[in-house]
Full PDB file with SEQRES, HELIX, SHEET, SSBOND, CRYST1, ORIGX, SCALE, CONECT and MASTER records, all heavy atoms in Angstrom:
SEQRES   1 A   40  ALA THR ALA THR CYS THR VAL CYS ARG ASN ASN PHE PRO          
SEQRES   2 A   40  GLY GLU ASP PHE ARG GLY ASP ILE MET ALA ASP LYS VAL          
SEQRES   3 A   40  PRO HIS CYS PRO VAL CYS THR GLY VAL VAL LYS PRO ASP          
SEQRES   4 A   40  ILE                                                          
HELIX    1 AA1 GLY A   14  PHE A   17  5                                   4    
HELIX    2 AA2 ARG A   18  MET A   22  1                                   5    
SHEET    1 AA1 3 ASN A  11  PRO A  13  0                                        
SHEET    2 AA1 3 THR A   2  CYS A   5 -1                                        
SHEET    3 AA1 3 VAL A  36  PRO A  38 -1                                        
CRYST1    1.000    1.000    1.000  90.00  90.00  90.00 P 1           1          
ORIGX1      1.000000  0.000000  0.000000        0.00000                         
ORIGX2      0.000000  1.000000  0.000000        0.00000                         
ORIGX3      0.000000  0.000000  1.000000        0.00000                         
SCALE1      1.000000  0.000000  0.000000        0.00000                         
SCALE2      0.000000  1.000000  0.000000        0.00000                         
SCALE3      0.000000  0.000000  1.000000        0.00000                         
ATOM      1  N   ALA A   1       0.817  -1.219   0.000  1.00  0.00           N  
ATOM      2  CA  ALA A   1       0.000   0.000   0.000  1.00  0.00           C  
ATOM      3  C   ALA A   1       0.850   1.268   0.000  1.00  0.00           C  
ATOM      4  O   ALA A   1       0.400   2.326  -0.442  1.00  0.00           O  
ATOM      5  CB  ALA A   1      -0.940   0.010   1.199  1.00  0.00           C  
ATOM      6  N   THR A   2       2.066   1.158   0.505  1.00  0.00           N  
ATOM      7  CA  THR A   2       2.993   2.295   0.516  1.00  0.00           C  
ATOM      8  C   THR A   2       4.348   1.830  -0.013  1.00  0.00           C  
ATOM      9  O   THR A   2       4.634   0.640  -0.062  1.00  0.00           O  
ATOM     10  CB  THR A   2       3.164   2.872   1.932  1.00  0.00           C  
ATOM     11  OG1 THR A   2       3.568   1.808   2.821  1.00  0.00           O  
ATOM     12  CG2 THR A   2       1.863   3.488   2.441  1.00  0.00           C  
ATOM     13  N   ALA A   3       5.170   2.806  -0.402  1.00  0.00           N  
ATOM     14  CA  ALA A   3       6.495   2.494  -0.952  1.00  0.00           C  
ATOM     15  C   ALA A   3       7.470   3.598  -0.541  1.00  0.00           C  
ATOM     16  O   ALA A   3       7.060   4.725  -0.249  1.00  0.00           O  
ATOM     17  CB  ALA A   3       6.426   2.378  -2.470  1.00  0.00           C  
ATOM     18  N   THR A   4       8.756   3.260  -0.527  1.00  0.00           N  
ATOM     19  CA  THR A   4       9.789   4.204  -0.081  1.00  0.00           C  
ATOM     20  C   THR A   4      10.964   4.173  -1.047  1.00  0.00           C  
ATOM     21  O   THR A   4      11.401   3.092  -1.473  1.00  0.00           O  
ATOM     22  CB  THR A   4      10.278   3.838   1.336  1.00  0.00           C  
ATOM     23  OG1 THR A   4       9.157   3.821   2.223  1.00  0.00           O  
ATOM     24  CG2 THR A   4      11.306   4.835   1.851  1.00  0.00           C  
ATOM     25  N   CYS A   5      11.477   5.349  -1.373  1.00  0.00           N  
ATOM     26  CA  CYS A   5      12.672   5.413  -2.214  1.00  0.00           C  
ATOM     27  C   CYS A   5      13.865   4.904  -1.418  1.00  0.00           C  
ATOM     28  O   CYS A   5      14.075   5.311  -0.271  1.00  0.00           O  
ATOM     29  CB  CYS A   5      12.921   6.853  -2.680  1.00  0.00           C  
ATOM     30  SG  CYS A   5      14.477   7.024  -3.603  1.00  0.00           S  
ATOM     31  N   THR A   6      14.652   4.025  -2.018  1.00  0.00           N  
ATOM     32  CA  THR A   6      15.806   3.450  -1.321  1.00  0.00           C  
ATOM     33  C   THR A   6      16.963   4.440  -1.192  1.00  0.00           C  
ATOM     34  O   THR A   6      17.911   4.188  -0.461  1.00  0.00           O  
ATOM     35  CB  THR A   6      16.310   2.188  -2.065  1.00  0.00           C  
ATOM     36  OG1 THR A   6      16.588   2.533  -3.433  1.00  0.00           O  
ATOM     37  CG2 THR A   6      15.277   1.074  -2.036  1.00  0.00           C  
ATOM     38  N   VAL A   7      16.873   5.576  -1.889  1.00  0.00           N  
ATOM     39  CA  VAL A   7      17.953   6.576  -1.840  1.00  0.00           C  
ATOM     40  C   VAL A   7      17.546   7.773  -0.976  1.00  0.00           C  
ATOM     41  O   VAL A   7      18.139   8.044   0.067  1.00  0.00           O  
ATOM     42  CB  VAL A   7      18.351   7.038  -3.259  1.00  0.00           C  
ATOM     43  CG1 VAL A   7      19.443   8.115  -3.182  1.00  0.00           C  
ATOM     44  CG2 VAL A   7      18.832   5.850  -4.086  1.00  0.00           C  
ATOM     45  N   CYS A   8      16.511   8.502  -1.387  1.00  0.00           N  
ATOM     46  CA  CYS A   8      16.143   9.737  -0.671  1.00  0.00           C  
ATOM     47  C   CYS A   8      15.129   9.505   0.444  1.00  0.00           C  
ATOM     48  O   CYS A   8      14.821  10.428   1.196  1.00  0.00           O  
ATOM     49  CB  CYS A   8      15.642  10.802  -1.634  1.00  0.00           C  
ATOM     50  SG  CYS A   8      14.001  10.456  -2.344  1.00  0.00           S  
ATOM     51  N   ARG A   9      14.590   8.275   0.532  1.00  0.00           N  
ATOM     52  CA  ARG A   9      13.664   7.861   1.595  1.00  0.00           C  
ATOM     53  C   ARG A   9      12.316   8.564   1.553  1.00  0.00           C  
ATOM     54  O   ARG A   9      11.575   8.553   2.534  1.00  0.00           O  
ATOM     55  CB  ARG A   9      14.289   8.032   2.997  1.00  0.00           C  
ATOM     56  CG  ARG A   9      15.657   7.403   3.195  1.00  0.00           C  
ATOM     57  CD  ARG A   9      15.730   5.944   2.799  1.00  0.00           C  
ATOM     58  NE  ARG A   9      14.873   5.093   3.614  1.00  0.00           N  
ATOM     59  CZ  ARG A   9      14.608   3.815   3.345  1.00  0.00           C  
ATOM     60  NH1 ARG A   9      15.123   3.245   2.264  1.00  0.00           N  
ATOM     61  NH2 ARG A   9      13.817   3.123   4.133  1.00  0.00           N  
ATOM     62  N   ASN A  10      11.978   9.197   0.438  1.00  0.00           N  
ATOM     63  CA  ASN A  10      10.636   9.761   0.303  1.00  0.00           C  
ATOM     64  C   ASN A  10       9.609   8.632   0.263  1.00  0.00           C  
ATOM     65  O   ASN A  10       9.879   7.554  -0.288  1.00  0.00           O  
ATOM     66  CB  ASN A  10      10.531  10.595  -0.986  1.00  0.00           C  
ATOM     67  CG  ASN A  10      10.832  12.056  -0.739  1.00  0.00           C  
ATOM     68  OD1 ASN A  10      10.204  12.697   0.099  1.00  0.00           O  
ATOM     69  ND2 ASN A  10      11.800  12.592  -1.462  1.00  0.00           N  
ATOM     70  N   ASN A  11       8.438   8.905   0.833  1.00  0.00           N  
ATOM     71  CA  ASN A  11       7.362   7.911   0.860  1.00  0.00           C  
ATOM     72  C   ASN A  11       6.319   8.223  -0.201  1.00  0.00           C  
ATOM     73  O   ASN A  11       6.053   9.396  -0.477  1.00  0.00           O  
ATOM     74  CB  ASN A  11       6.676   7.902   2.237  1.00  0.00           C  
ATOM     75  CG  ASN A  11       7.619   7.474   3.331  1.00  0.00           C  
ATOM     76  OD1 ASN A  11       8.723   7.056   3.055  1.00  0.00           O  
ATOM     77  ND2 ASN A  11       7.184   7.587   4.569  1.00  0.00           N  
ATOM     78  N   PHE A  12       5.724   7.168  -0.746  1.00  0.00           N  
ATOM     79  CA  PHE A  12       4.724   7.322  -1.807  1.00  0.00           C  
ATOM     80  C   PHE A  12       3.609   6.300  -1.620  1.00  0.00           C  
ATOM     81  O   PHE A  12       3.829   5.233  -1.042  1.00  0.00           O  
ATOM     82  CB  PHE A  12       5.365   7.090  -3.190  1.00  0.00           C  
ATOM     83  CG  PHE A  12       6.531   7.966  -3.489  1.00  0.00           C  
ATOM     84  CD1 PHE A  12       7.829   7.517  -3.260  1.00  0.00           C  
ATOM     85  CD2 PHE A  12       6.356   9.247  -3.999  1.00  0.00           C  
ATOM     86  CE1 PHE A  12       8.925   8.324  -3.529  1.00  0.00           C  
ATOM     87  CE2 PHE A  12       7.437  10.061  -4.280  1.00  0.00           C  
ATOM     88  CZ  PHE A  12       8.727   9.605  -4.047  1.00  0.00           C  
ATOM     89  N   PRO A  13       2.399   6.598  -2.148  1.00  0.00           N  
ATOM     90  CA  PRO A  13       1.371   5.551  -2.205  1.00  0.00           C  
ATOM     91  C   PRO A  13       1.842   4.443  -3.162  1.00  0.00           C  
ATOM     92  O   PRO A  13       2.372   4.729  -4.240  1.00  0.00           O  
ATOM     93  CB  PRO A  13       0.146   6.281  -2.786  1.00  0.00           C  
ATOM     94  CG  PRO A  13       0.442   7.742  -2.622  1.00  0.00           C  
ATOM     95  CD  PRO A  13       1.930   7.882  -2.683  1.00  0.00           C  
ATOM     96  N   GLY A  14       1.645   3.202  -2.754  1.00  0.00           N  
ATOM     97  CA  GLY A  14       2.083   2.081  -3.585  1.00  0.00           C  
ATOM     98  C   GLY A  14       1.437   2.084  -4.960  1.00  0.00           C  
ATOM     99  O   GLY A  14       2.041   1.659  -5.952  1.00  0.00           O  
ATOM    100  N   GLU A  15       0.217   2.586  -5.023  1.00  0.00           N  
ATOM    101  CA  GLU A  15      -0.539   2.585  -6.278  1.00  0.00           C  
ATOM    102  C   GLU A  15       0.154   3.430  -7.351  1.00  0.00           C  
ATOM    103  O   GLU A  15      -0.033   3.191  -8.547  1.00  0.00           O  
ATOM    104  CB  GLU A  15      -1.959   3.106  -6.013  1.00  0.00           C  
ATOM    105  CG  GLU A  15      -2.969   2.805  -7.095  1.00  0.00           C  
ATOM    106  CD  GLU A  15      -3.173   1.329  -7.392  1.00  0.00           C  
ATOM    107  OE1 GLU A  15      -2.994   0.497  -6.475  1.00  0.00           O  
ATOM    108  OE2 GLU A  15      -3.499   1.013  -8.558  1.00  0.00           O  
ATOM    109  N   ASP A  16       0.984   4.404  -6.926  1.00  0.00           N  
ATOM    110  CA  ASP A  16       1.701   5.256  -7.882  1.00  0.00           C  
ATOM    111  C   ASP A  16       2.612   4.453  -8.808  1.00  0.00           C  
ATOM    112  O   ASP A  16       2.951   4.906  -9.908  1.00  0.00           O  
ATOM    113  CB  ASP A  16       2.567   6.293  -7.139  1.00  0.00           C  
ATOM    114  CG  ASP A  16       1.727   7.395  -6.497  1.00  0.00           C  
ATOM    115  OD1 ASP A  16       0.486   7.325  -6.581  1.00  0.00           O  
ATOM    116  OD2 ASP A  16       2.325   8.312  -5.891  1.00  0.00           O  
ATOM    117  N   PHE A  17       3.035   3.267  -8.347  1.00  0.00           N  
ATOM    118  CA  PHE A  17       4.025   2.488  -9.106  1.00  0.00           C  
ATOM    119  C   PHE A  17       3.444   1.198  -9.677  1.00  0.00           C  
ATOM    120  O   PHE A  17       4.179   0.392 -10.241  1.00  0.00           O  
ATOM    121  CB  PHE A  17       5.237   2.191  -8.207  1.00  0.00           C  
ATOM    122  CG  PHE A  17       5.839   3.448  -7.643  1.00  0.00           C  
ATOM    123  CD1 PHE A  17       5.547   3.854  -6.349  1.00  0.00           C  
ATOM    124  CD2 PHE A  17       6.651   4.253  -8.424  1.00  0.00           C  
ATOM    125  CE1 PHE A  17       6.062   5.036  -5.837  1.00  0.00           C  
ATOM    126  CE2 PHE A  17       7.173   5.442  -7.923  1.00  0.00           C  
ATOM    127  CZ  PHE A  17       6.878   5.834  -6.627  1.00  0.00           C  
ATOM    128  N   ARG A  18       2.150   1.051  -9.516  1.00  0.00           N  
ATOM    129  CA  ARG A  18       1.495  -0.159 -10.037  1.00  0.00           C  
ATOM    130  C   ARG A  18       1.734  -0.319 -11.536  1.00  0.00           C  
ATOM    131  O   ARG A  18       2.057  -1.409 -12.016  1.00  0.00           O  
ATOM    132  CB  ARG A  18       0.001  -0.106  -9.739  1.00  0.00           C  
ATOM    133  CG  ARG A  18      -0.745  -1.318 -10.246  1.00  0.00           C  
ATOM    134  CD  ARG A  18      -2.261  -1.158 -10.085  1.00  0.00           C  
ATOM    135  NE  ARG A  18      -2.905  -2.356 -10.588  1.00  0.00           N  
ATOM    136  CZ  ARG A  18      -3.083  -3.468  -9.888  1.00  0.00           C  
ATOM    137  NH1 ARG A  18      -2.684  -3.528  -8.634  1.00  0.00           N  
ATOM    138  NH2 ARG A  18      -3.648  -4.526 -10.432  1.00  0.00           N  
ATOM    139  N   GLY A  19       1.597   0.782 -12.291  1.00  0.00           N  
ATOM    140  CA  GLY A  19       1.767   0.727 -13.748  1.00  0.00           C  
ATOM    141  C   GLY A  19       3.136   0.221 -14.137  1.00  0.00           C  
ATOM    142  O   GLY A  19       3.268  -0.636 -15.023  1.00  0.00           O  
ATOM    143  N   ASP A  20       4.177   0.727 -13.464  1.00  0.00           N  
ATOM    144  CA  ASP A  20       5.543   0.279 -13.759  1.00  0.00           C  
ATOM    145  C   ASP A  20       5.703  -1.209 -13.480  1.00  0.00           C  
ATOM    146  O   ASP A  20       6.260  -1.956 -14.300  1.00  0.00           O  
ATOM    147  CB  ASP A  20       6.557   1.050 -12.896  1.00  0.00           C  
ATOM    148  CG  ASP A  20       6.800   2.458 -13.425  1.00  0.00           C  
ATOM    149  OD1 ASP A  20       6.439   2.725 -14.587  1.00  0.00           O  
ATOM    150  OD2 ASP A  20       7.347   3.281 -12.674  1.00  0.00           O  
ATOM    151  N   ILE A  21       5.222  -1.637 -12.312  1.00  0.00           N  
ATOM    152  CA  ILE A  21       5.401  -3.038 -11.921  1.00  0.00           C  
ATOM    153  C   ILE A  21       4.661  -3.965 -12.881  1.00  0.00           C  
ATOM    154  O   ILE A  21       5.191  -4.992 -13.304  1.00  0.00           O  
ATOM    155  CB  ILE A  21       4.951  -3.240 -10.449  1.00  0.00           C  
ATOM    156  CG1 ILE A  21       5.938  -2.519  -9.512  1.00  0.00           C  
ATOM    157  CG2 ILE A  21       4.878  -4.726 -10.090  1.00  0.00           C  
ATOM    158  CD1 ILE A  21       5.510  -2.453  -8.069  1.00  0.00           C  
ATOM    159  N   MET A  22       3.451  -3.583 -13.269  1.00  0.00           N  
ATOM    160  CA  MET A  22       2.674  -4.414 -14.198  1.00  0.00           C  
ATOM    161  C   MET A  22       3.287  -4.424 -15.601  1.00  0.00           C  
ATOM    162  O   MET A  22       3.081  -5.360 -16.365  1.00  0.00           O  
ATOM    163  CB  MET A  22       1.222  -3.925 -14.267  1.00  0.00           C  
ATOM    164  CG  MET A  22       0.446  -4.148 -12.994  1.00  0.00           C  
ATOM    165  SD  MET A  22       0.358  -5.888 -12.539  1.00  0.00           S  
ATOM    166  CE  MET A  22       0.302  -5.766 -10.755  1.00  0.00           C  
ATOM    167  N   ALA A  23       4.063  -3.377 -15.916  1.00  0.00           N  
ATOM    168  CA  ALA A  23       4.729  -3.300 -17.220  1.00  0.00           C  
ATOM    169  C   ALA A  23       6.147  -3.884 -17.171  1.00  0.00           C  
ATOM    170  O   ALA A  23       6.933  -3.678 -18.098  1.00  0.00           O  
ATOM    171  CB  ALA A  23       4.777  -1.845 -17.689  1.00  0.00           C  
ATOM    172  N   ASP A  24       6.447  -4.609 -16.086  1.00  0.00           N  
ATOM    173  CA  ASP A  24       7.768  -5.245 -15.912  1.00  0.00           C  
ATOM    174  C   ASP A  24       8.907  -4.235 -15.860  1.00  0.00           C  
ATOM    175  O   ASP A  24      10.026  -4.510 -16.296  1.00  0.00           O  
ATOM    176  CB  ASP A  24       8.038  -6.280 -17.014  1.00  0.00           C  
ATOM    177  CG  ASP A  24       7.021  -7.407 -16.991  1.00  0.00           C  
ATOM    178  OD1 ASP A  24       6.745  -7.925 -15.893  1.00  0.00           O  
ATOM    179  OD2 ASP A  24       6.479  -7.748 -18.058  1.00  0.00           O  
ATOM    180  N   LYS A  25       8.611  -3.045 -15.319  1.00  0.00           N  
ATOM    181  CA  LYS A  25       9.649  -2.025 -15.151  1.00  0.00           C  
ATOM    182  C   LYS A  25       9.987  -1.878 -13.676  1.00  0.00           C  
ATOM    183  O   LYS A  25       9.101  -1.990 -12.821  1.00  0.00           O  
ATOM    184  CB  LYS A  25       9.162  -0.666 -15.673  1.00  0.00           C  
ATOM    185  CG  LYS A  25       8.903  -0.626 -17.170  1.00  0.00           C  
ATOM    186  CD  LYS A  25       8.310   0.740 -17.540  1.00  0.00           C  
ATOM    187  CE  LYS A  25       7.956   0.809 -19.023  1.00  0.00           C  
ATOM    188  NZ  LYS A  25       7.223   2.056 -19.334  1.00  0.00           N  
ATOM    189  N   VAL A  26      11.247  -1.617 -13.381  1.00  0.00           N  
ATOM    190  CA  VAL A  26      11.654  -1.319 -12.010  1.00  0.00           C  
ATOM    191  C   VAL A  26      11.237   0.130 -11.724  1.00  0.00           C  
ATOM    192  O   VAL A  26      11.630   1.045 -12.454  1.00  0.00           O  
ATOM    193  CB  VAL A  26      13.177  -1.484 -11.831  1.00  0.00           C  
ATOM    194  CG1 VAL A  26      13.618  -0.984 -10.457  1.00  0.00           C  
ATOM    195  CG2 VAL A  26      13.583  -2.950 -12.035  1.00  0.00           C  
ATOM    196  N   PRO A  27      10.423   0.374 -10.678  1.00  0.00           N  
ATOM    197  CA  PRO A  27       9.956   1.743 -10.417  1.00  0.00           C  
ATOM    198  C   PRO A  27      11.060   2.649  -9.865  1.00  0.00           C  
ATOM    199  O   PRO A  27      11.869   2.214  -9.048  1.00  0.00           O  
ATOM    200  CB  PRO A  27       8.846   1.553  -9.377  1.00  0.00           C  
ATOM    201  CG  PRO A  27       9.096   0.229  -8.762  1.00  0.00           C  
ATOM    202  CD  PRO A  27       9.816  -0.604  -9.771  1.00  0.00           C  
ATOM    203  N   HIS A  28      11.074   3.892 -10.340  1.00  0.00           N  
ATOM    204  CA  HIS A  28      12.092   4.853  -9.896  1.00  0.00           C  
ATOM    205  C   HIS A  28      11.438   6.076  -9.276  1.00  0.00           C  
ATOM    206  O   HIS A  28      10.327   6.466  -9.641  1.00  0.00           O  
ATOM    207  CB  HIS A  28      12.994   5.254 -11.070  1.00  0.00           C  
ATOM    208  CG  HIS A  28      13.928   4.162 -11.487  1.00  0.00           C  
ATOM    209  ND1 HIS A  28      15.144   3.949 -10.879  1.00  0.00           N  
ATOM    210  CD2 HIS A  28      13.795   3.185 -12.432  1.00  0.00           C  
ATOM    211  CE1 HIS A  28      15.739   2.910 -11.450  1.00  0.00           C  
ATOM    212  NE2 HIS A  28      14.934   2.422 -12.395  1.00  0.00           N  
ATOM    213  N   CYS A  29      12.147   6.670  -8.355  1.00  0.00           N  
ATOM    214  CA  CYS A  29      11.656   7.817  -7.598  1.00  0.00           C  
ATOM    215  C   CYS A  29      11.519   9.049  -8.497  1.00  0.00           C  
ATOM    216  O   CYS A  29      12.457   9.393  -9.226  1.00  0.00           O  
ATOM    217  CB  CYS A  29      12.630   8.100  -6.454  1.00  0.00           C  
ATOM    218  SG  CYS A  29      12.231   9.555  -5.492  1.00  0.00           S  
ATOM    219  N   PRO A  30      10.370   9.734  -8.432  1.00  0.00           N  
ATOM    220  CA  PRO A  30      10.205  10.946  -9.232  1.00  0.00           C  
ATOM    221  C   PRO A  30      11.031  12.121  -8.699  1.00  0.00           C  
ATOM    222  O   PRO A  30      11.198  13.123  -9.385  1.00  0.00           O  
ATOM    223  CB  PRO A  30       8.698  11.244  -9.101  1.00  0.00           C  
ATOM    224  CG  PRO A  30       8.289  10.587  -7.835  1.00  0.00           C  
ATOM    225  CD  PRO A  30       9.161   9.383  -7.672  1.00  0.00           C  
ATOM    226  N   VAL A  31      11.579  11.964  -7.494  1.00  0.00           N  
ATOM    227  CA  VAL A  31      12.372  13.035  -6.880  1.00  0.00           C  
ATOM    228  C   VAL A  31      13.851  12.891  -7.210  1.00  0.00           C  
ATOM    229  O   VAL A  31      14.499  13.835  -7.680  1.00  0.00           O  
ATOM    230  CB  VAL A  31      12.170  13.071  -5.345  1.00  0.00           C  
ATOM    231  CG1 VAL A  31      13.034  14.177  -4.716  1.00  0.00           C  
ATOM    232  CG2 VAL A  31      10.701  13.270  -4.998  1.00  0.00           C  
ATOM    233  N   CYS A  32      14.391  11.665  -6.988  1.00  0.00           N  
ATOM    234  CA  CYS A  32      15.854  11.503  -7.148  1.00  0.00           C  
ATOM    235  C   CYS A  32      16.251  10.400  -8.125  1.00  0.00           C  
ATOM    236  O   CYS A  32      17.434  10.155  -8.309  1.00  0.00           O  
ATOM    237  CB  CYS A  32      16.496  11.242  -5.788  1.00  0.00           C  
ATOM    238  SG  CYS A  32      16.239   9.555  -5.186  1.00  0.00           S  
ATOM    239  N   THR A  33      15.275   9.701  -8.683  1.00  0.00           N  
ATOM    240  CA  THR A  33      15.449   8.579  -9.637  1.00  0.00           C  
ATOM    241  C   THR A  33      15.991   7.294  -8.993  1.00  0.00           C  
ATOM    242  O   THR A  33      16.316   6.342  -9.688  1.00  0.00           O  
ATOM    243  CB  THR A  33      16.343   8.947 -10.854  1.00  0.00           C  
ATOM    244  OG1 THR A  33      17.704   9.032 -10.450  1.00  0.00           O  
ATOM    245  CG2 THR A  33      15.871  10.236 -11.512  1.00  0.00           C  
ATOM    246  N   GLY A  34      16.092   7.275  -7.661  1.00  0.00           N  
ATOM    247  CA  GLY A  34      16.477   6.024  -6.995  1.00  0.00           C  
ATOM    248  C   GLY A  34      15.403   4.968  -7.168  1.00  0.00           C  
ATOM    249  O   GLY A  34      14.260   5.263  -7.535  1.00  0.00           O  
ATOM    250  N   VAL A  35      15.761   3.706  -6.903  1.00  0.00           N  
ATOM    251  CA  VAL A  35      14.780   2.622  -6.990  1.00  0.00           C  
ATOM    252  C   VAL A  35      13.792   2.746  -5.824  1.00  0.00           C  
ATOM    253  O   VAL A  35      14.189   2.961  -4.679  1.00  0.00           O  
ATOM    254  CB  VAL A  35      15.473   1.244  -6.949  1.00  0.00           C  
ATOM    255  CG1 VAL A  35      14.441   0.116  -6.882  1.00  0.00           C  
ATOM    256  CG2 VAL A  35      16.365   1.056  -8.172  1.00  0.00           C  
ATOM    257  N   VAL A  36      12.509   2.640  -6.143  1.00  0.00           N  
ATOM    258  CA  VAL A  36      11.466   2.692  -5.118  1.00  0.00           C  
ATOM    259  C   VAL A  36      11.064   1.267  -4.750  1.00  0.00           C  
ATOM    260  O   VAL A  36      10.750   0.458  -5.616  1.00  0.00           O  
ATOM    261  CB  VAL A  36      10.237   3.473  -5.620  1.00  0.00           C  
ATOM    262  CG1 VAL A  36       9.100   3.394  -4.608  1.00  0.00           C  
ATOM    263  CG2 VAL A  36      10.601   4.929  -5.879  1.00  0.00           C  
ATOM    264  N   LYS A  37      11.106   0.973  -3.458  1.00  0.00           N  
ATOM    265  CA  LYS A  37      10.775  -0.373  -2.973  1.00  0.00           C  
ATOM    266  C   LYS A  37       9.459  -0.338  -2.197  1.00  0.00           C  
ATOM    267  O   LYS A  37       9.290   0.485  -1.292  1.00  0.00           O  
ATOM    268  CB  LYS A  37      11.900  -0.863  -2.063  1.00  0.00           C  
ATOM    269  CG  LYS A  37      11.635  -2.172  -1.350  1.00  0.00           C  
ATOM    270  CD  LYS A  37      12.812  -2.497  -0.428  1.00  0.00           C  
ATOM    271  CE  LYS A  37      12.454  -3.465   0.665  1.00  0.00           C  
ATOM    272  NZ  LYS A  37      11.488  -2.960   1.648  1.00  0.00           N  
ATOM    273  N   PRO A  38       8.506  -1.190  -2.561  1.00  0.00           N  
ATOM    274  CA  PRO A  38       7.292  -1.297  -1.735  1.00  0.00           C  
ATOM    275  C   PRO A  38       7.683  -1.580  -0.286  1.00  0.00           C  
ATOM    276  O   PRO A  38       8.742  -2.188  -0.031  1.00  0.00           O  
ATOM    277  CB  PRO A  38       6.553  -2.489  -2.355  1.00  0.00           C  
ATOM    278  CG  PRO A  38       7.051  -2.559  -3.765  1.00  0.00           C  
ATOM    279  CD  PRO A  38       8.490  -2.139  -3.695  1.00  0.00           C  
ATOM    280  N   ASP A  39       6.856  -1.163   0.652  1.00  0.00           N  
ATOM    281  CA  ASP A  39       7.204  -1.299   2.071  1.00  0.00           C  
ATOM    282  C   ASP A  39       6.970  -2.714   2.591  1.00  0.00           C  
ATOM    283  O   ASP A  39       6.306  -2.943   3.611  1.00  0.00           O  
ATOM    284  CB  ASP A  39       6.434  -0.274   2.901  1.00  0.00           C  
ATOM    285  CG  ASP A  39       6.921   1.144   2.637  1.00  0.00           C  
ATOM    286  OD1 ASP A  39       8.088   1.308   2.241  1.00  0.00           O  
ATOM    287  OD2 ASP A  39       6.117   2.092   2.813  1.00  0.00           O  
ATOM    288  N   ILE A  40       7.540  -3.683   1.872  1.00  0.00           N  
ATOM    289  CA  ILE A  40       7.577  -5.081   2.288  1.00  0.00           C  
ATOM    290  C   ILE A  40       8.835  -5.265   3.135  1.00  0.00           C  
ATOM    291  O   ILE A  40       9.897  -4.766   2.778  1.00  0.00           O  
ATOM    292  CB  ILE A  40       7.635  -6.018   1.057  1.00  0.00           C  
ATOM    293  CG1 ILE A  40       6.452  -5.755   0.107  1.00  0.00           C  
ATOM    294  CG2 ILE A  40       7.696  -7.479   1.477  1.00  0.00           C  
ATOM    295  CD1 ILE A  40       5.103  -5.943   0.728  1.00  0.00           C  
TER     296      ILE A  40                                                      
MASTER        0    0    0    2    3    0    0    6  295    1    0    4          
END                                                                             
């Protein structure tokens, strides 16, 4: 339901990255371009 950038630690709603994940893309932070990891 939520996700966090592994670099800048900004938090995001998980739904923001659903499109990327369903398209087989690694989601990236809109702030710093770091990889965004769901809060698993």
